[in-house]
Amino acid sequence: MLAWFASRVFGAFTVVVAALYAALVARPIIDLVAASNYAAKAAALADVQGKWYQHRGNRINIAEDIENARWLLTSDVRKIVAALPRDEVLAKHFEGRAGFVDEYEGFRLRADALAEYLRKSTDAPSLRFREWLDREVMGGRRNPRAR
């Protein structure tokens, strides 16, 4: 109905030119909206980029130091591995690989120390978590002879 009205008032040529103009302008506007959505999402998530991993619905905060060692927040690991010892016991057992990391909050355990602890485990959730840890977090960095 609107096209018929516009063609009667402005002429058929004007309606065709307006349709072509709308077709040419529509794609850049859609691209601009999509790009602004992506940029807003990237800006909002910039502070957690690369720090959060997820294992079976449980988010785990993982920090990486200047030596490329990855440190897992023990409170997040305890949601998956219920039998993980207290922080004091971990600090004593894995001296230098468990403790507070300077620029990150909370008590942390290095990924290789956690993998070493999980090698002794026999329950299914811990074994699944160890496989995920090897594959996703450590990326095969563990020494194959240590298995």
Foldseek 3Di string as FASTA:
>chain_A
DVLVVCCVVPNPVVSVVVVVVCVVPVVVVVVVVVVVVVVVVCVVCVVQPPQWDDDPRQIWGWDADPVRWIWTAVVSVCVQVVPDDDQVVLCVVVPPQWADDVPDDHTIGTLVSLLVVLVPDDDDSSVSVSVCSCVPPCNVVDDPVVD
